[in-house]
Amino acid sequence: MRSWLLSESHGFRLQPVHDALHHAPMTDWESCYVEGNTPWDKGAPSPPLSAWVKKNHPQGRAVVPGSGIGHDVVMLVESGLDAVGVDLSPTAIQRARARHPAHADRFHEVDLFALPADWRGSFDHVFEHTCLCALPPSLRQAYAEAVHGLLKPSGVLVGIWFINPEMDPGESGPPFGISTAELDLLFPSSQWQVLEDFVPATAYDGREGRERLRVLRKIP
């Protein structure tokens, strides 16, 4: 698998994220969607996420950060959740609405680091899949604070964490892998209770054994 961020010659550019986040460099996701450079979009929801939802039957209000074309959002809605997706890229949101017209009002062009005030503490679940690994590691703490703020007391974060992305020599990401030890630090036991933690048996082709499913409950 090629890295999502290669070089200017490959069509992937950098742009600064929100000023409050110290101008950390981020991939220009809008250009990626416009130019068709979207290798993370597999055309279907995350297999381990789908399997977890089918087994556990979660209910309530849910949000998917970095929802892209919306496969995970639609899977959650069809499973009975009141789910919405957010993405920085207007083209991703437009394509999600066009691809899933029955659910078009569930996709929002929203910056995870500048969320609407009325969203704070209003979700029962956050479903993570390829959002954290797309962010520079310097933004991980801001990500953790954002998802913590979205959840109600005792809300649940269900994450498919990319532990070991395959990288070509000399490439650094994204995707940026994260170790289990780093997950422990990012989601400390003072704020989160680990409910489940395992390597899922199902995955996209080529990702077998390289992801981890960790479910965390926000401690009130």
Protein backbone atom coordinates (compact mmCIF):
# COMPACT_ATOMS: atom_id res chain seq x y z
CA MET A 1 0.00 0.00 0.00
CA ARG A 2 1.36 3.40 -0.89
CA SER A 3 1.51 6.15 1.69
CA TRP A 4 -1.33 8.66 1.51
CA LEU A 5 1.18 11.52 1.69
CA LEU A 6 4.07 11.08 -0.70
CA SER A 7 5.35 14.28 -2.25
CA GLU A 8 4.33 17.21 -4.41
CA SER A 9 5.07 15.12 -7.49
CA HIS A 10 2.41 12.60 -6.46
CA GLY A 11 -0.30 15.23 -6.14
CA PHE A 12 -0.56 15.25 -2.34
CA ARG A 13 -0.02 18.67 -0.80
CA LEU A 14 0.14 20.07 2.69
CA GLN A 15 -2.04 22.70 4.24
CA PRO A 16 -2.14 24.15 7.77
CA VAL A 17 -4.94 22.99 10.04
CA HIS A 18 -6.76 25.27 12.48
CA ASP A 19 -4.57 28.12 13.82
CA ALA A 20 -5.15 27.02 17.39
CA LEU A 21 -3.34 23.77 16.60
CA HIS A 22 0.03 25.44 15.96
CA HIS A 23 -0.10 25.17 12.18
CA ALA A 24 0.56 21.43 12.17
CA PRO A 25 0.85 20.26 8.53
CA MET A 26 -2.03 18.23 7.17
CA THR A 27 -2.72 16.61 3.86
CA ASP A 28 -4.94 18.70 1.57
CA TRP A 29 -7.81 16.23 1.67
CA GLU A 30 -10.00 18.33 -0.63
CA SER A 31 -7.43 18.09 -3.43
CA CYS A 32 -7.14 14.35 -2.81
CA TYR A 33 -10.87 13.90 -3.41
CA VAL A 34 -10.95 16.25 -6.39
CA GLU A 35 -7.99 14.48 -8.03
CA GLY A 36 -9.13 10.95 -7.15
CA ASN A 37 -6.19 10.23 -4.82
CA THR A 38 -8.26 8.30 -2.25
CA PRO A 39 -6.65 4.89 -1.65
CA TRP A 40 -8.23 4.72 1.82
CA ASP A 41 -11.72 4.53 0.26
CA LYS A 42 -12.39 0.81 -0.23
CA GLY A 43 -15.98 1.27 -1.42
CA ALA A 44 -17.47 -0.46 1.63
CA PRO A 45 -17.63 0.02 5.40
CA SER A 46 -14.82 -1.17 7.64
CA PRO A 47 -15.19 -4.97 8.01
CA PRO A 48 -14.19 -5.11 11.71
CA LEU A 49 -16.43 -2.15 12.51
CA SER A 50 -19.36 -3.78 10.71
CA ALA A 51 -18.75 -7.05 12.57
CA TRP A 52 -18.64 -5.27 15.94
CA VAL A 53 -21.88 -3.40 15.26
CA LYS A 54 -23.65 -6.57 14.11
CA LYS A 55 -22.58 -8.36 17.29
CA ASN A 56 -23.25 -5.58 19.81
CA HIS A 57 -26.32 -3.76 18.41
CA PRO A 58 -25.41 -0.28 19.70
CA GLN A 59 -28.18 2.29 19.97
CA GLY A 60 -28.44 6.05 20.22
CA ARG A 61 -26.76 8.98 18.52
CA ALA A 62 -23.40 8.45 16.81
CA VAL A 63 -20.79 10.43 14.88
CA VAL A 64 -18.07 9.29 12.47
CA PRO A 65 -15.14 11.74 12.21
CA GLY A 66 -13.44 11.86 8.81
CA SER A 67 -16.41 10.06 7.26
CA GLY A 68 -15.33 10.46 3.61
CA ILE A 69 -17.83 8.99 1.13
CA GLY A 70 -19.96 7.78 4.01
CA HIS A 71 -19.83 3.97 3.93
CA ASP A 72 -19.50 3.61 7.71
CA VAL A 73 -22.21 6.17 8.40
CA VAL A 74 -24.75 4.38 6.21
CA MET A 75 -23.86 1.02 7.75
CA LEU A 76 -24.50 2.48 11.22
CA VAL A 77 -27.81 4.04 10.19
CA GLU A 78 -28.97 0.79 8.62
CA SER A 79 -28.04 -0.95 11.89
CA GLY A 80 -30.39 1.32 13.84
CA LEU A 81 -28.15 4.17 15.01
CA ASP A 82 -28.91 7.86 14.56
CA ALA A 83 -25.53 8.45 12.91
CA VAL A 84 -23.92 11.44 11.22
CA GLY A 85 -20.61 11.85 9.43
CA VAL A 86 -18.27 14.84 9.40
CA ASP A 87 -15.46 15.64 7.01
CA LEU A 88 -13.30 18.65 6.15
CA SER A 89 -13.56 18.06 2.41
CA PRO A 90 -16.61 19.61 0.71
CA THR A 91 -16.12 17.25 -2.23
CA ALA A 92 -16.19 14.22 0.07
CA ILE A 93 -19.43 15.48 1.61
CA GLN A 94 -20.96 16.17 -1.82
CA ARG A 95 -20.05 12.68 -3.02
CA ALA A 96 -21.37 11.06 0.15
CA ARG A 97 -24.70 12.86 -0.32
CA ALA A 98 -24.84 11.90 -4.00
CA ARG A 99 -23.93 8.27 -3.35
CA HIS A 100 -26.37 7.92 -0.44
CA PRO A 101 -29.26 10.26 -1.32
CA ALA A 102 -31.59 8.70 1.24
CA HIS A 103 -29.13 9.75 3.95
CA ALA A 104 -27.87 13.01 2.43
CA ASP A 105 -28.77 15.10 5.49
CA ARG A 106 -26.48 12.99 7.67
CA PHE A 107 -23.25 14.29 6.12
CA HIS A 108 -21.76 17.55 7.39
CA GLU A 109 -18.78 19.61 6.28
CA VAL A 110 -17.34 20.16 9.76
CA ASP A 111 -13.84 20.60 11.20
CA LEU A 112 -13.31 18.09 14.01
CA PHE A 113 -11.24 20.74 15.81
CA ALA A 114 -13.90 23.46 15.48
CA LEU A 115 -17.12 21.63 16.24
CA PRO A 116 -20.52 23.29 16.67
CA ALA A 117 -21.05 24.16 20.33
CA ASP A 118 -24.35 22.29 20.52
CA TRP A 119 -22.65 19.04 19.54
CA ARG A 120 -20.63 18.95 22.75
CA GLY A 121 -21.63 16.08 25.01
CA SER A 122 -24.48 15.05 22.71
CA PHE A 123 -23.37 11.68 21.28
CA ASP A 124 -23.66 8.17 22.68
CA HIS A 125 -20.95 6.80 20.36
CA VAL A 126 -18.01 7.97 18.30
CA PHE A 127 -16.93 5.47 15.63
CA GLU A 128 -13.29 5.85 14.58
CA HIS A 129 -11.95 4.42 11.35
CA THR A 130 -8.98 5.99 9.46
CA CYS A 131 -9.40 9.47 10.96
CA LEU A 132 -6.70 9.33 13.64
CA CYS A 133 -4.17 7.64 11.34
CA ALA A 134 -4.70 10.42 8.78
CA LEU A 135 -3.66 13.11 11.25
CA PRO A 136 -0.08 14.11 12.00
CA PRO A 137 0.89 12.61 15.37
CA SER A 138 1.21 16.14 16.77
CA LEU A 139 -2.59 16.44 16.51
CA ARG A 140 -3.44 13.25 18.37
CA GLN A 141 -4.02 14.96 21.69
CA ALA A 142 -6.35 17.46 20.03
CA TYR A 143 -8.20 14.53 18.44
CA ALA A 144 -8.59 12.79 21.80
CA GLU A 145 -9.95 15.97 23.36
CA ALA A 146 -12.37 16.45 20.47
CA VAL A 147 -13.90 12.97 20.67
CA HIS A 148 -14.02 13.16 24.48
CA GLY A 149 -15.94 16.41 24.15
CA LEU A 150 -18.42 14.93 21.68
CA LEU A 151 -19.46 12.09 23.96
CA LYS A 152 -22.08 12.12 26.67
CA PRO A 153 -21.00 10.95 30.14
CA SER A 154 -20.37 7.18 29.80
CA GLY A 155 -20.42 7.52 26.01
CA VAL A 156 -18.41 4.99 24.00
CA LEU A 157 -15.58 5.41 21.50
CA VAL A 158 -15.33 2.42 19.15
CA GLY A 159 -12.04 2.54 17.29
CA ILE A 160 -10.47 0.56 14.46
CA TRP A 161 -6.92 1.71 15.11
CA PHE A 162 -4.30 1.30 12.37
CA ILE A 163 -1.44 -0.20 14.37
CA ASN A 164 0.84 -1.31 11.55
CA PRO A 165 0.29 0.37 8.17
CA GLU A 166 2.48 -1.02 5.43
CA MET A 167 4.88 1.66 4.25
CA ASP A 168 7.34 1.78 1.39
CA PRO A 169 10.97 2.60 2.28
CA GLY A 170 11.46 6.29 2.92
CA GLU A 171 7.76 7.04 3.40
CA SER A 172 6.48 8.39 6.68
CA GLY A 173 2.73 8.71 6.23
CA PRO A 174 -0.10 9.25 6.44
CA PRO A 175 -1.33 6.76 7.37
CA PHE A 176 0.48 7.14 10.68
CA GLY A 177 0.48 3.95 12.74
CA ILE A 178 -0.07 4.02 16.48
CA SER A 179 1.07 1.45 19.02
CA THR A 180 -1.04 0.02 21.82
CA ALA A 181 1.24 1.79 24.31
CA GLU A 182 0.54 5.10 22.56
CA LEU A 183 -3.18 4.38 22.69
CA ASP A 184 -2.84 3.88 26.46
CA LEU A 185 -1.25 7.30 26.79
CA LEU A 186 -3.67 9.03 24.43
CA PHE A 187 -6.73 7.63 26.21
CA PRO A 188 -5.61 7.41 29.88
CA SER A 189 -7.40 5.32 32.49
CA SER A 190 -8.27 8.49 34.39
CA GLN A 191 -10.63 9.45 31.55
CA TRP A 192 -11.42 6.20 29.73
CA GLN A 193 -12.31 2.63 30.63
CA VAL A 194 -11.20 -0.03 28.16
CA LEU A 195 -14.17 -2.30 27.42
CA GLU A 196 -12.69 -4.38 24.59
CA ASP A 197 -9.25 -4.64 23.04
CA PHE A 198 -8.27 -7.19 20.40
CA VAL A 199 -6.94 -7.75 16.89
CA PRO A 200 -10.05 -8.27 14.74
CA ALA A 201 -10.40 -11.45 12.72
CA THR A 202 -11.82 -9.60 9.72
CA ALA A 203 -10.30 -6.75 7.70
CA TYR A 204 -10.00 -5.22 4.27
CA ASP A 205 -7.75 -7.29 2.00
CA GLY A 206 -4.16 -6.59 2.97
CA ARG A 207 -4.94 -5.25 6.45
CA GLU A 208 -5.27 -8.59 8.20
CA GLY A 209 -3.55 -8.43 11.59
CA ARG A 210 -2.55 -4.79 11.16
CA GLU A 211 -5.49 -3.16 12.94
CA ARG A 212 -6.72 -3.21 16.52
CA LEU A 213 -10.26 -2.84 17.75
CA ARG A 214 -10.36 -1.01 21.07
CA VAL A 215 -13.57 0.16 22.68
CA LEU A 216 -13.38 2.83 25.36
CA ARG A 217 -16.04 4.24 27.68
CA LYS A 218 -15.80 7.87 28.74
CA ILE A 219 -15.55 8.06 32.53
CA PRO A 220 -18.12 10.60 33.80
